[in-house]
Amino acid sequence: MLLRALAVALPVFLLDRLSKYWVVEVIDLRNRLFVPVLDPWLNFTMAWNEGINFGLMDMGGNGRWVLIGLALAIVLGLAIWIRKQDSWLVAAGAGAIMGGALGNVWDRIQYGAVADFLNMSCCGIQNPFAFNIADAAIFGGAIFIALFVRSDDAPR
C-alpha cells in the first residue's frame, strides 16, 4: 500500500507546488495581496501561516523548524503505518496527507511560512481565513482514513 499512497502523494505535492508558484510568483499575490476570482465565493487572499492551521499556535520564524520536524515525523509514521493496510481508500487518504504535509514543509523551507491563498465565503458570511491545496488534501485524507480504516487496524 505504500506505493499506492505515494502514487497519491506525488500528484498532491506537485499540484500544491504548481498552484503556489503560480499564485505567489506569477500573479504576484505576495505583493497584490488580493485577487478576486469568483467574488464573493472564491478569492485569492495572501496569508502567510507560521502556525499549525489558520495561524493557530504561531511559533514565529524559529518555530518553523519544529513544525517541519513534526510534519516529517507524521509523513514517516504514515509511510510505516500504511504498509500494513490493505485498503486503497486508506492508502489514498494517507497519500493525500503525506503529499500535503510535504507541500507545506517545502513552503516553510522556501518562504519561512506556509503560503495560504484560497479564501471562500458564502451566503453573506465573510470567511477571514485562507488555505491552500495542501491543507485541503490533508483534511480530505484525514476524512478518508477516518471513514475507511478498519477499527482493528487503527493506530493505537
C-alpha atoms as a PDB file:
ATOM      1  CA  MET A   1       0.000   0.000   0.000  1.00  0.00           C
ATOM      2  CA  LEU A   2       2.972   2.347   0.391  1.00  0.00           C
ATOM      3  CA  LEU A   3       3.376   2.613  -3.382  1.00  0.00           C
ATOM      4  CA  ARG A   4      -0.332   3.417  -3.748  1.00  0.00           C
ATOM      5  CA  ALA A   5      -0.038   6.094  -1.073  1.00  0.00           C
ATOM      6  CA  LEU A   6       2.979   7.551  -2.865  1.00  0.00           C
ATOM      7  CA  ALA A   7       1.017   7.462  -6.146  1.00  0.00           C
ATOM      8  CA  VAL A   8      -1.431   9.881  -4.498  1.00  0.00           C
ATOM      9  CA  ALA A   9       1.181  11.877  -2.556  1.00  0.00           C
ATOM     10  CA  LEU A  10       3.207  12.839  -5.627  1.00  0.00           C
ATOM     11  CA  PRO A  11       0.383  14.475  -7.638  1.00  0.00           C
ATOM     12  CA  VAL A  12      -0.924  16.212  -4.494  1.00  0.00           C
ATOM     13  CA  PHE A  13       2.558  17.592  -3.813  1.00  0.00           C
ATOM     14  CA  LEU A  14       3.047  18.689  -7.430  1.00  0.00           C
ATOM     15  CA  LEU A  15      -0.393  20.309  -7.687  1.00  0.00           C
ATOM     16  CA  ASP A  16       0.236  22.172  -4.434  1.00  0.00           C
ATOM     17  CA  ARG A  17       3.675  23.360  -5.589  1.00  0.00           C
ATOM     18  CA  LEU A  18       2.404  24.424  -9.018  1.00  0.00           C
ATOM     19  CA  SER A  19      -0.561  26.306  -7.546  1.00  0.00           C
ATOM     20  CA  LYS A  20       1.625  28.153  -5.051  1.00  0.00           C
ATOM     21  CA  TYR A  21       4.229  29.005  -7.678  1.00  0.00           C
ATOM     22  CA  TRP A  22       1.529  30.350  -9.987  1.00  0.00           C
ATOM     23  CA  VAL A  23      -0.307  32.346  -7.314  1.00  0.00           C
ATOM     24  CA  VAL A  24       2.643  33.655  -5.288  1.00  0.00           C
ATOM     25  CA  GLU A  25       5.210  34.148  -8.050  1.00  0.00           C
ATOM     26  CA  VAL A  26       3.392  34.516 -11.390  1.00  0.00           C
ATOM     27  CA  ILE A  27       0.352  36.569 -10.418  1.00  0.00           C
ATOM     28  CA  ASP A  28       2.434  38.100  -7.591  1.00  0.00           C
ATOM     29  CA  LEU A  29      -0.133  37.635  -4.844  1.00  0.00           C
ATOM     30  CA  ARG A  30       2.580  38.255  -2.253  1.00  0.00           C
ATOM     31  CA  ASN A  31       2.531  41.930  -3.296  1.00  0.00           C
ATOM     32  CA  ARG A  32      -1.021  42.274  -4.635  1.00  0.00           C
ATOM     33  CA  LEU A  33      -2.459  40.549  -1.519  1.00  0.00           C
ATOM     34  CA  PHE A  34      -5.939  40.091  -3.030  1.00  0.00           C
ATOM     35  CA  VAL A  35      -7.236  38.964  -6.418  1.00  0.00           C
ATOM     36  CA  PRO A  36     -10.976  38.468  -6.946  1.00  0.00           C
ATOM     37  CA  VAL A  37     -11.731  35.192  -8.729  1.00  0.00           C
ATOM     38  CA  LEU A  38     -15.445  34.461  -8.281  1.00  0.00           C
ATOM     39  CA  ASP A  39     -16.150  37.201  -5.779  1.00  0.00           C
ATOM     40  CA  PRO A  40     -17.513  36.775  -3.128  1.00  0.00           C
ATOM     41  CA  TRP A  41     -17.394  32.938  -3.204  1.00  0.00           C
ATOM     42  CA  LEU A  42     -13.748  32.425  -4.150  1.00  0.00           C
ATOM     43  CA  ASN A  43     -10.876  34.878  -3.971  1.00  0.00           C
ATOM     44  CA  PHE A  44      -7.115  34.684  -3.753  1.00  0.00           C
ATOM     45  CA  THR A  45      -6.073  36.300  -0.481  1.00  0.00           C
ATOM     46  CA  MET A  46      -2.414  36.111   0.561  1.00  0.00           C
ATOM     47  CA  ALA A  47      -1.847  34.808   4.068  1.00  0.00           C
ATOM     48  CA  TRP A  48       1.473  33.619   5.481  1.00  0.00           C
ATOM     49  CA  ASN A  49       0.845  30.945   8.081  1.00  0.00           C
ATOM     50  CA  GLU A  50       3.609  30.483  10.653  1.00  0.00           C
ATOM     51  CA  GLY A  51       1.408  28.279  12.837  1.00  0.00           C
ATOM     52  CA  ILE A  52      -0.265  24.909  12.524  1.00  0.00           C
ATOM     53  CA  ASN A  53      -3.565  25.705  10.814  1.00  0.00           C
ATOM     54  CA  PHE A  54      -5.208  29.087  10.232  1.00  0.00           C
ATOM     55  CA  GLY A  55      -2.236  30.559  12.117  1.00  0.00           C
ATOM     56  CA  LEU A  56      -3.038  28.677  15.331  1.00  0.00           C
ATOM     57  CA  MET A  57      -0.075  28.228  17.647  1.00  0.00           C
ATOM     58  CA  ASP A  58       2.033  30.722  15.702  1.00  0.00           C
ATOM     59  CA  MET A  59       5.601  29.972  16.767  1.00  0.00           C
ATOM     60  CA  GLY A  60       7.295  32.618  14.642  1.00  0.00           C
ATOM     61  CA  GLY A  61      10.281  32.135  12.377  1.00  0.00           C
ATOM     62  CA  ASN A  62      12.246  29.723  14.557  1.00  0.00           C
ATOM     63  CA  GLY A  63       9.190  27.596  15.303  1.00  0.00           C
ATOM     64  CA  ARG A  64       9.033  26.641  11.640  1.00  0.00           C
ATOM     65  CA  TRP A  65      11.794  24.081  12.228  1.00  0.00           C
ATOM     66  CA  VAL A  66       9.709  22.426  14.942  1.00  0.00           C
ATOM     67  CA  LEU A  67       6.737  22.284  12.564  1.00  0.00           C
ATOM     68  CA  ILE A  68       8.934  20.960   9.734  1.00  0.00           C
ATOM     69  CA  GLY A  69      10.207  18.205  12.028  1.00  0.00           C
ATOM     70  CA  LEU A  70       6.679  17.382  13.183  1.00  0.00           C
ATOM     71  CA  ALA A  71       5.374  17.201   9.606  1.00  0.00           C
ATOM     72  CA  LEU A  72       8.254  14.972   8.504  1.00  0.00           C
ATOM     73  CA  ALA A  73       7.677  12.688  11.502  1.00  0.00           C
ATOM     74  CA  ILE A  74       3.991  12.404  10.562  1.00  0.00           C
ATOM     75  CA  VAL A  75       4.901  11.578   6.939  1.00  0.00           C
ATOM     76  CA  LEU A  76       7.356   8.915   8.103  1.00  0.00           C
ATOM     77  CA  GLY A  77       4.837   7.493  10.581  1.00  0.00           C
ATOM     78  CA  LEU A  78       2.165   7.278   7.883  1.00  0.00           C
ATOM     79  CA  ALA A  79       4.618   5.622   5.481  1.00  0.00           C
ATOM     80  CA  ILE A  80       5.374   2.949   8.067  1.00  0.00           C
ATOM     81  CA  TRP A  81       1.733   2.506   9.105  1.00  0.00           C
ATOM     82  CA  ILE A  82       0.294   2.316   5.570  1.00  0.00           C
ATOM     83  CA  ARG A  83       2.494  -0.667   4.692  1.00  0.00           C
ATOM     84  CA  LYS A  84       0.276  -2.803   6.948  1.00  0.00           C
ATOM     85  CA  GLN A  85      -3.037  -1.614   5.491  1.00  0.00           C
ATOM     86  CA  ASP A  86      -4.975  -3.344   2.740  1.00  0.00           C
ATOM     87  CA  SER A  87      -7.396  -0.629   1.642  1.00  0.00           C
ATOM     88  CA  TRP A  88      -6.817   1.519  -1.431  1.00  0.00           C
ATOM     89  CA  LEU A  89      -9.008   4.259   0.102  1.00  0.00           C
ATOM     90  CA  VAL A  90      -6.935   4.331   3.285  1.00  0.00           C
ATOM     91  CA  ALA A  91      -3.761   4.442   1.163  1.00  0.00           C
ATOM     92  CA  ALA A  92      -5.242   7.340  -0.831  1.00  0.00           C
ATOM     93  CA  GLY A  93      -6.012   9.180   2.402  1.00  0.00           C
ATOM     94  CA  ALA A  94      -2.520   8.614   3.757  1.00  0.00           C
ATOM     95  CA  GLY A  95      -1.024   9.697   0.431  1.00  0.00           C
ATOM     96  CA  ALA A  96      -3.080  12.894   0.416  1.00  0.00           C
ATOM     97  CA  ILE A  97      -1.867  13.736   3.917  1.00  0.00           C
ATOM     98  CA  MET A  98       1.735  12.915   3.009  1.00  0.00           C
ATOM     99  CA  GLY A  99       1.690  14.991  -0.193  1.00  0.00           C
ATOM    100  CA  GLY A 100       0.014  17.924   1.531  1.00  0.00           C
ATOM    101  CA  ALA A 101       2.365  17.833   4.505  1.00  0.00           C
ATOM    102  CA  LEU A 102       5.404  17.786   2.218  1.00  0.00           C
ATOM    103  CA  GLY A 103       3.984  20.692   0.199  1.00  0.00           C
ATOM    104  CA  ASN A 104       3.662  22.772   3.359  1.00  0.00           C
ATOM    105  CA  VAL A 105       7.150  21.694   4.515  1.00  0.00           C
ATOM    106  CA  TRP A 106       8.526  22.999   1.218  1.00  0.00           C
ATOM    107  CA  ASP A 107       6.843  26.359   1.891  1.00  0.00           C
ATOM    108  CA  ARG A 108       8.321  26.606   5.365  1.00  0.00           C
ATOM    109  CA  ILE A 109      11.776  25.952   3.938  1.00  0.00           C
ATOM    110  CA  GLN A 110      11.382  28.260   0.911  1.00  0.00           C
ATOM    111  CA  TYR A 111       9.345  31.126   2.399  1.00  0.00           C
ATOM    112  CA  GLY A 112       9.651  30.660   6.164  1.00  0.00           C
ATOM    113  CA  ALA A 113       5.864  30.181   6.397  1.00  0.00           C
ATOM    114  CA  VAL A 114       3.098  28.325   4.576  1.00  0.00           C
ATOM    115  CA  ALA A 115       1.594  30.217   1.633  1.00  0.00           C
ATOM    116  CA  ASP A 116      -2.197  30.196   2.013  1.00  0.00           C
ATOM    117  CA  PHE A 117      -4.242  31.876  -0.688  1.00  0.00           C
ATOM    118  CA  LEU A 118      -7.674  30.283  -1.193  1.00  0.00           C
ATOM    119  CA  ASN A 119     -10.436  32.228   0.520  1.00  0.00           C
ATOM    120  CA  MET A 120     -14.013  31.005   0.236  1.00  0.00           C
ATOM    121  CA  SER A 121     -17.081  32.772   1.572  1.00  0.00           C
ATOM    122  CA  CYS A 122     -20.784  32.177   1.191  1.00  0.00           C
ATOM    123  CA  CYS A 123     -24.201  33.407   1.975  1.00  0.00           C
ATOM    124  CA  GLY A 124     -23.180  36.849   3.245  1.00  0.00           C
ATOM    125  CA  ILE A 125     -20.679  35.424   5.726  1.00  0.00           C
ATOM    126  CA  GLN A 126     -17.130  36.671   5.075  1.00  0.00           C
ATOM    127  CA  ASN A 127     -14.575  33.972   5.907  1.00  0.00           C
ATOM    128  CA  PRO A 128     -11.422  35.636   7.291  1.00  0.00           C
ATOM    129  CA  PHE A 129      -9.209  32.572   6.716  1.00  0.00           C
ATOM    130  CA  ALA A 130      -7.255  31.313   3.729  1.00  0.00           C
ATOM    131  CA  PHE A 131      -5.959  27.831   2.955  1.00  0.00           C
ATOM    132  CA  ASN A 132      -4.143  26.031   0.150  1.00  0.00           C
ATOM    133  CA  ILE A 133      -4.336  22.795  -1.823  1.00  0.00           C
ATOM    134  CA  ALA A 134      -2.052  21.015   0.647  1.00  0.00           C
ATOM    135  CA  ASP A 135      -4.390  21.926   3.506  1.00  0.00           C
ATOM    136  CA  ALA A 136      -7.408  20.632   1.575  1.00  0.00           C
ATOM    137  CA  ALA A 137      -5.566  17.380   0.807  1.00  0.00           C
ATOM    138  CA  ILE A 138      -4.598  16.898   4.457  1.00  0.00           C
ATOM    139  CA  PHE A 139      -8.191  17.479   5.557  1.00  0.00           C
ATOM    140  CA  GLY A 140      -9.607  15.169   2.867  1.00  0.00           C
ATOM    141  CA  GLY A 141      -7.004  12.496   3.604  1.00  0.00           C
ATOM    142  CA  ALA A 142      -7.847  12.518   7.289  1.00  0.00           C
ATOM    143  CA  ILE A 143     -11.530  12.061   6.442  1.00  0.00           C
ATOM    144  CA  PHE A 144     -10.704   9.111   4.157  1.00  0.00           C
ATOM    145  CA  ILE A 145      -8.692   7.436   6.910  1.00  0.00           C
ATOM    146  CA  ALA A 146     -11.414   8.079   9.494  1.00  0.00           C
ATOM    147  CA  LEU A 147     -14.100   6.654   7.220  1.00  0.00           C
ATOM    148  CA  PHE A 148     -12.324   3.694   5.675  1.00  0.00           C
ATOM    149  CA  VAL A 149      -9.776   2.310   8.124  1.00  0.00           C
ATOM    150  CA  ARG A 150     -10.941  -0.840   9.860  1.00  0.00           C
ATOM    151  CA  SER A 151     -11.170  -0.388  13.605  1.00  0.00           C
ATOM    152  CA  ASP A 152      -8.826  -3.315  14.253  1.00  0.00           C
ATOM    153  CA  ASP A 153      -6.190  -1.649  12.025  1.00  0.00           C
ATOM    154  CA  ALA A 154      -6.445   1.838  13.550  1.00  0.00           C
ATOM    155  CA  PRO A 155      -3.269   3.235  15.111  1.00  0.00           C
ATOM    156  CA  ARG A 156      -3.173   2.869  18.881  1.00  0.00           C
END
